[in-house]
Amino acid sequence: MIIWINGAFGSGKSTVAEAIHRNIPRSFIYDPEQLRYFFWHVFPDERKRKENFQHIKMWRKANNP
């Protein structure tokens, strides 16, 4: 089963996901934001200024298999 939580920044998605995770044995949380942190850590500064991370092909491919 996949539970997809969508919403605006700061609306409590992570809090809800953590509450669900605590109550479903052997569940895990996949947070695509973690890939953004990785990309922004390794990408050169000029690329970071030009792009929204959601438009990076690698990010899209990793999150839309």
Protein backbone atom coordinates (compact mmCIF):
# COMPACT_ATOMS: atom_id res chain seq x y z
CA MET A 1 0.00 0.00 0.00
CA ILE A 2 1.21 3.50 -0.80
CA ILE A 3 -0.17 6.51 1.04
CA TRP A 4 0.63 9.66 -0.88
CA ILE A 5 0.40 12.89 1.10
CA ASN A 6 0.29 16.07 -0.93
CA GLY A 7 -0.08 19.67 0.15
CA ALA A 8 1.43 23.11 0.42
CA PHE A 9 4.79 23.81 2.04
CA GLY A 10 4.42 23.93 5.81
CA SER A 11 0.96 22.36 5.89
CA GLY A 12 1.96 19.43 8.12
CA LYS A 13 2.56 16.64 5.60
CA SER A 14 5.65 15.35 7.43
CA THR A 15 3.86 15.44 10.77
CA VAL A 16 0.97 13.41 9.37
CA ALA A 17 3.37 10.96 7.69
CA GLU A 18 5.25 10.42 10.96
CA ALA A 19 1.99 9.78 12.84
CA ILE A 20 0.90 7.23 10.24
CA HIS A 21 4.35 5.62 10.26
CA ARG A 22 4.23 5.14 14.04
CA ASN A 23 0.96 3.23 13.69
CA ILE A 24 1.72 0.96 10.72
CA PRO A 25 4.26 -1.78 11.46
CA ARG A 26 7.13 -2.21 8.93
CA SER A 27 6.19 1.03 7.17
CA PHE A 28 8.64 3.66 5.99
CA ILE A 29 8.56 7.25 4.83
CA TYR A 30 9.91 8.18 1.42
CA ASP A 31 10.55 11.91 1.28
CA PRO A 32 11.50 13.25 -2.17
CA GLU A 33 12.76 16.44 -0.52
CA GLN A 34 15.84 14.47 0.56
CA LEU A 35 16.89 14.23 -3.11
CA ARG A 36 16.60 18.00 -3.38
CA TYR A 37 19.02 18.42 -0.47
CA PHE A 38 21.46 16.07 -2.18
CA PHE A 39 21.23 17.88 -5.55
CA TRP A 40 21.66 21.29 -3.95
CA HIS A 41 24.71 20.01 -2.06
CA VAL A 42 26.49 18.66 -5.16
CA PHE A 43 25.30 21.02 -7.94
CA PRO A 44 27.36 24.10 -8.83
CA ASP A 45 25.99 27.42 -7.58
CA GLU A 46 25.15 28.74 -11.06
CA ARG A 47 22.85 25.77 -11.68
CA LYS A 48 21.16 26.16 -8.31
CA ARG A 49 20.22 29.76 -9.13
CA LYS A 50 18.73 28.81 -12.53
CA GLU A 51 16.54 25.85 -11.67
CA ASN A 52 13.67 24.82 -9.48
CA PHE A 53 14.69 21.36 -8.23
CA GLN A 54 11.37 19.88 -9.42
CA HIS A 55 12.42 20.57 -13.02
CA ILE A 56 15.69 18.66 -12.76
CA LYS A 57 15.33 15.54 -14.93
CA MET A 58 17.15 13.33 -12.42
CA TRP A 59 14.76 14.38 -9.64
CA ARG A 60 11.70 13.76 -11.81
CA LYS A 61 12.93 10.36 -12.92
CA ALA A 62 13.74 9.31 -9.34
CA ASN A 63 10.26 10.32 -8.17
CA ASN A 64 8.20 9.11 -11.14
CA PRO A 65 9.43 5.59 -11.93
